[in-house]
């Protein structure tokens, strides 16, 4: 799974820029600003990372079923997990 980190604790801000983040080309470990919010391509993460994070009470788990995308929110961070074989460009 590829991970894109979005550094905000505001769900409304995250929701407003979500599609732009998905459509922003990022190289591995590249950091960019999207509407004033820092986003970073955090590379690949093992599936067990997501499973471990889901068990923590402070982590909110969201699922975009039609795209098989998982989003975790904890503290001031949203992590968007995209299957590697998926293309985020629409």
N, C-alpha and C. Protein backbone atom coordinates (compact mmCIF):
# COMPACT_ATOMS: atom_id res chain seq x y z
N UNK A 1 0.84 -1.19 0.00
CA UNK A 1 0.00 0.00 0.00
C UNK A 1 0.89 1.25 0.00
N UNK A 2 0.52 2.17 -0.85
CA UNK A 2 1.20 3.46 -0.89
C UNK A 2 0.53 4.38 0.13
N UNK A 3 1.31 5.19 0.82
CA UNK A 3 0.77 6.08 1.85
C UNK A 3 1.04 7.53 1.49
N UNK A 4 -0.02 8.34 1.56
CA UNK A 4 0.12 9.79 1.43
C UNK A 4 -0.29 10.38 2.76
N UNK A 5 0.61 11.14 3.36
CA UNK A 5 0.34 11.78 4.65
C UNK A 5 -0.16 13.20 4.41
N UNK A 6 -1.22 13.58 5.13
CA UNK A 6 -1.79 14.92 5.03
C UNK A 6 -1.77 15.49 6.44
N UNK A 7 -1.01 16.58 6.63
CA UNK A 7 -0.77 17.11 7.97
C UNK A 7 -1.79 18.19 8.33
N UNK A 8 -2.94 17.75 8.84
CA UNK A 8 -3.96 18.63 9.39
C UNK A 8 -4.78 17.82 10.38
N UNK A 9 -5.35 18.48 11.36
CA UNK A 9 -6.26 17.79 12.29
C UNK A 9 -7.70 18.21 12.04
N UNK A 10 -7.93 18.96 10.97
CA UNK A 10 -9.24 19.50 10.64
C UNK A 10 -9.88 18.66 9.53
N UNK A 11 -10.92 17.89 9.89
CA UNK A 11 -11.55 17.01 8.92
C UNK A 11 -12.14 17.80 7.75
N UNK A 12 -12.69 18.96 8.03
CA UNK A 12 -13.29 19.77 6.96
C UNK A 12 -12.23 20.20 5.94
N UNK A 13 -11.06 20.62 6.42
CA UNK A 13 -9.96 20.99 5.52
C UNK A 13 -9.52 19.77 4.72
N UNK A 14 -9.36 18.64 5.39
CA UNK A 14 -8.96 17.41 4.71
C UNK A 14 -9.97 17.05 3.63
N UNK A 15 -11.24 17.10 3.98
CA UNK A 15 -12.30 16.76 3.03
C UNK A 15 -12.28 17.69 1.81
N UNK A 16 -12.03 18.97 2.05
CA UNK A 16 -11.99 19.95 0.96
C UNK A 16 -10.85 19.70 -0.02
N UNK A 17 -9.71 19.20 0.46
CA UNK A 17 -8.54 19.03 -0.43
C UNK A 17 -8.30 17.58 -0.84
N UNK A 18 -9.10 16.64 -0.35
CA UNK A 18 -8.89 15.21 -0.58
C UNK A 18 -8.67 14.87 -2.06
N UNK A 19 -9.56 15.29 -2.93
CA UNK A 19 -9.44 14.97 -4.36
C UNK A 19 -8.18 15.60 -4.96
N UNK A 20 -7.87 16.83 -4.54
CA UNK A 20 -6.65 17.48 -5.04
C UNK A 20 -5.40 16.72 -4.61
N UNK A 21 -5.42 16.22 -3.38
CA UNK A 21 -4.28 15.44 -2.88
C UNK A 21 -4.10 14.19 -3.74
N UNK A 22 -5.20 13.49 -4.02
CA UNK A 22 -5.12 12.27 -4.82
C UNK A 22 -4.61 12.56 -6.23
N UNK A 23 -4.89 13.73 -6.75
CA UNK A 23 -4.49 14.08 -8.11
C UNK A 23 -3.17 14.84 -8.18
N UNK A 24 -2.51 15.04 -7.05
CA UNK A 24 -1.22 15.72 -7.02
C UNK A 24 -0.11 14.69 -7.21
N UNK A 25 0.67 14.82 -8.28
CA UNK A 25 1.77 13.86 -8.48
C UNK A 25 2.86 14.08 -7.43
N UNK A 26 3.25 13.00 -6.78
CA UNK A 26 4.27 13.06 -5.73
C UNK A 26 5.27 11.94 -5.94
N UNK A 27 6.54 12.27 -5.88
CA UNK A 27 7.58 11.24 -5.89
C UNK A 27 7.71 10.71 -4.46
N UNK A 28 8.34 9.55 -4.31
CA UNK A 28 8.50 8.98 -2.97
C UNK A 28 9.25 9.95 -2.07
N UNK A 29 8.71 10.16 -0.87
CA UNK A 29 9.24 11.08 0.14
C UNK A 29 9.22 12.54 -0.28
N UNK A 30 8.44 12.87 -1.31
CA UNK A 30 8.31 14.26 -1.74
C UNK A 30 7.23 14.95 -0.92
N UNK A 31 7.47 16.20 -0.57
CA UNK A 31 6.54 16.98 0.22
C UNK A 31 6.07 18.16 -0.62
N UNK A 32 4.77 18.45 -0.60
CA UNK A 32 4.20 19.59 -1.32
C UNK A 32 3.14 20.24 -0.45
N UNK A 33 2.75 21.44 -0.85
CA UNK A 33 1.66 22.15 -0.20
C UNK A 33 0.43 22.08 -1.10
N UNK A 34 -0.70 21.71 -0.53
CA UNK A 34 -1.97 21.74 -1.24
C UNK A 34 -2.89 22.64 -0.44
N UNK A 35 -3.19 23.80 -1.00
CA UNK A 35 -4.01 24.81 -0.32
C UNK A 35 -3.51 25.10 1.09
N UNK A 36 -2.20 25.22 1.24
CA UNK A 36 -1.59 25.57 2.51
C UNK A 36 -1.38 24.41 3.47
N UNK A 37 -1.75 23.21 3.06
CA UNK A 37 -1.59 22.02 3.91
C UNK A 37 -0.46 21.17 3.35
N UNK A 38 0.43 20.73 4.23
CA UNK A 38 1.55 19.89 3.82
C UNK A 38 1.07 18.47 3.56
N UNK A 39 1.44 17.96 2.38
CA UNK A 39 1.17 16.56 2.04
C UNK A 39 2.49 15.92 1.65
N UNK A 40 2.61 14.64 1.92
CA UNK A 40 3.87 13.94 1.64
C UNK A 40 3.60 12.52 1.19
N UNK A 41 4.33 12.10 0.17
CA UNK A 41 4.28 10.71 -0.28
C UNK A 41 5.19 9.94 0.66
N UNK A 42 4.62 9.10 1.49
CA UNK A 42 5.38 8.43 2.54
C UNK A 42 5.86 7.04 2.15
N UNK A 43 5.72 6.67 0.88
CA UNK A 43 6.22 5.38 0.43
C UNK A 43 5.25 4.25 0.72
N UNK A 44 5.76 3.04 0.59
CA UNK A 44 4.95 1.85 0.80
C UNK A 44 4.95 1.46 2.28
N UNK A 45 3.81 0.98 2.74
CA UNK A 45 3.71 0.48 4.11
C UNK A 45 3.15 -0.94 4.06
N UNK A 46 3.57 -1.78 4.97
CA UNK A 46 3.04 -3.15 5.01
C UNK A 46 1.58 -3.15 5.46
N UNK A 47 0.82 -4.13 5.00
CA UNK A 47 -0.59 -4.23 5.38
C UNK A 47 -0.78 -4.34 6.89
N UNK A 48 0.16 -4.97 7.58
CA UNK A 48 -0.01 -5.13 9.03
C UNK A 48 0.06 -3.79 9.77
N UNK A 49 0.67 -2.76 9.18
CA UNK A 49 0.68 -1.43 9.80
C UNK A 49 -0.76 -0.92 9.94
N UNK A 50 -1.53 -1.04 8.88
CA UNK A 50 -2.91 -0.58 8.91
C UNK A 50 -3.70 -1.37 9.94
N UNK A 51 -3.53 -2.68 9.96
CA UNK A 51 -4.23 -3.53 10.93
C UNK A 51 -3.89 -3.13 12.36
N UNK A 52 -2.62 -2.85 12.63
CA UNK A 52 -2.20 -2.44 13.99
C UNK A 52 -2.81 -1.09 14.36
N UNK A 53 -2.81 -0.15 13.42
CA UNK A 53 -3.34 1.18 13.71
C UNK A 53 -4.85 1.14 13.95
N UNK A 54 -5.56 0.26 13.24
CA UNK A 54 -7.01 0.16 13.40
C UNK A 54 -7.42 -0.24 14.81
N UNK A 55 -6.54 -0.90 15.54
CA UNK A 55 -6.88 -1.38 16.88
C UNK A 55 -6.72 -0.30 17.94
N UNK A 56 -6.07 0.81 17.59
CA UNK A 56 -5.83 1.87 18.58
C UNK A 56 -7.07 2.74 18.73
N UNK A 57 -7.47 3.03 19.97
CA UNK A 57 -8.71 3.78 20.19
C UNK A 57 -8.66 5.23 19.68
N UNK A 58 -7.47 5.81 19.57
CA UNK A 58 -7.36 7.20 19.13
C UNK A 58 -7.33 7.36 17.61
N UNK A 59 -7.44 6.24 16.89
CA UNK A 59 -7.36 6.27 15.43
C UNK A 59 -8.76 6.12 14.84
N UNK A 60 -9.10 7.06 13.94
CA UNK A 60 -10.36 6.99 13.21
C UNK A 60 -10.06 6.33 11.87
N UNK A 61 -10.88 5.34 11.49
CA UNK A 61 -10.68 4.60 10.25
C UNK A 61 -11.81 4.93 9.28
N UNK A 62 -11.44 5.32 8.07
CA UNK A 62 -12.43 5.58 7.02
C UNK A 62 -12.07 4.73 5.81
N UNK A 63 -13.07 4.32 5.07
CA UNK A 63 -12.86 3.46 3.91
C UNK A 63 -13.59 4.05 2.72
N UNK A 64 -12.87 4.17 1.59
CA UNK A 64 -13.48 4.57 0.32
C UNK A 64 -13.63 3.27 -0.47
N UNK A 65 -14.77 2.65 -0.36
CA UNK A 65 -14.96 1.29 -0.87
C UNK A 65 -14.80 1.18 -2.38
N UNK A 66 -15.33 2.14 -3.14
CA UNK A 66 -15.27 2.00 -4.59
C UNK A 66 -13.85 2.15 -5.14
N UNK A 67 -12.94 2.67 -4.33
CA UNK A 67 -11.55 2.81 -4.78
C UNK A 67 -10.59 1.98 -3.94
N UNK A 68 -11.08 1.20 -2.97
CA UNK A 68 -10.27 0.38 -2.08
C UNK A 68 -9.21 1.21 -1.36
N UNK A 69 -9.58 2.42 -0.96
CA UNK A 69 -8.68 3.33 -0.25
C UNK A 69 -9.07 3.33 1.23
N UNK A 70 -8.06 3.27 2.10
CA UNK A 70 -8.27 3.36 3.54
C UNK A 70 -7.64 4.66 4.02
N UNK A 71 -8.34 5.37 4.90
CA UNK A 71 -7.84 6.61 5.47
C UNK A 71 -7.84 6.46 6.98
N UNK A 72 -6.69 6.74 7.59
CA UNK A 72 -6.59 6.75 9.05
C UNK A 72 -6.37 8.18 9.50
N UNK A 73 -7.05 8.58 10.57
CA UNK A 73 -6.82 9.89 11.17
C UNK A 73 -6.40 9.68 12.61
N UNK A 74 -5.29 10.30 12.96
CA UNK A 74 -4.83 10.31 14.35
C UNK A 74 -3.99 11.55 14.57
N UNK A 75 -4.25 12.18 15.71
CA UNK A 75 -3.62 13.46 16.05
C UNK A 75 -3.81 14.46 14.90
N UNK A 76 -2.73 15.05 14.41
CA UNK A 76 -2.83 16.06 13.35
C UNK A 76 -2.46 15.48 11.99
N UNK A 77 -2.81 14.22 11.78
CA UNK A 77 -2.39 13.53 10.58
C UNK A 77 -3.50 12.66 10.00
N UNK A 78 -3.68 12.78 8.69
CA UNK A 78 -4.51 11.85 7.94
C UNK A 78 -3.56 11.05 7.07
N UNK A 79 -3.72 9.73 7.06
CA UNK A 79 -2.90 8.88 6.20
C UNK A 79 -3.84 8.22 5.19
N UNK A 80 -3.55 8.43 3.90
CA UNK A 80 -4.35 7.85 2.83
C UNK A 80 -3.57 6.66 2.28
N UNK A 81 -4.17 5.47 2.35
CA UNK A 81 -3.52 4.25 1.87
C UNK A 81 -4.18 3.82 0.56
N UNK A 82 -3.36 3.73 -0.48
CA UNK A 82 -3.84 3.39 -1.81
C UNK A 82 -3.16 2.11 -2.26
N UNK A 83 -3.92 1.13 -2.74
CA UNK A 83 -3.27 -0.08 -3.26
C UNK A 83 -2.26 0.29 -4.34
N UNK A 84 -1.12 -0.37 -4.33
CA UNK A 84 -0.03 -0.04 -5.25
C UNK A 84 -0.44 -0.18 -6.71
N UNK A 85 -1.29 -1.15 -7.03
CA UNK A 85 -1.67 -1.35 -8.41
C UNK A 85 -2.73 -0.37 -8.89
N UNK A 86 -3.20 0.51 -8.01
CA UNK A 86 -4.21 1.50 -8.37
C UNK A 86 -3.54 2.76 -8.88
N UNK A 87 -4.16 3.41 -9.82
CA UNK A 87 -3.70 4.71 -10.31
C UNK A 87 -4.57 5.77 -9.67
N UNK A 88 -3.97 6.81 -9.11
CA UNK A 88 -4.74 7.85 -8.45
C UNK A 88 -5.14 8.94 -9.44
N UNK A 89 -4.61 8.93 -10.64
CA UNK A 89 -4.97 9.92 -11.64
C UNK A 89 -6.27 9.49 -12.31
N UNK A 90 -7.23 10.40 -12.35
CA UNK A 90 -8.54 10.07 -12.92
C UNK A 90 -8.67 10.67 -14.29
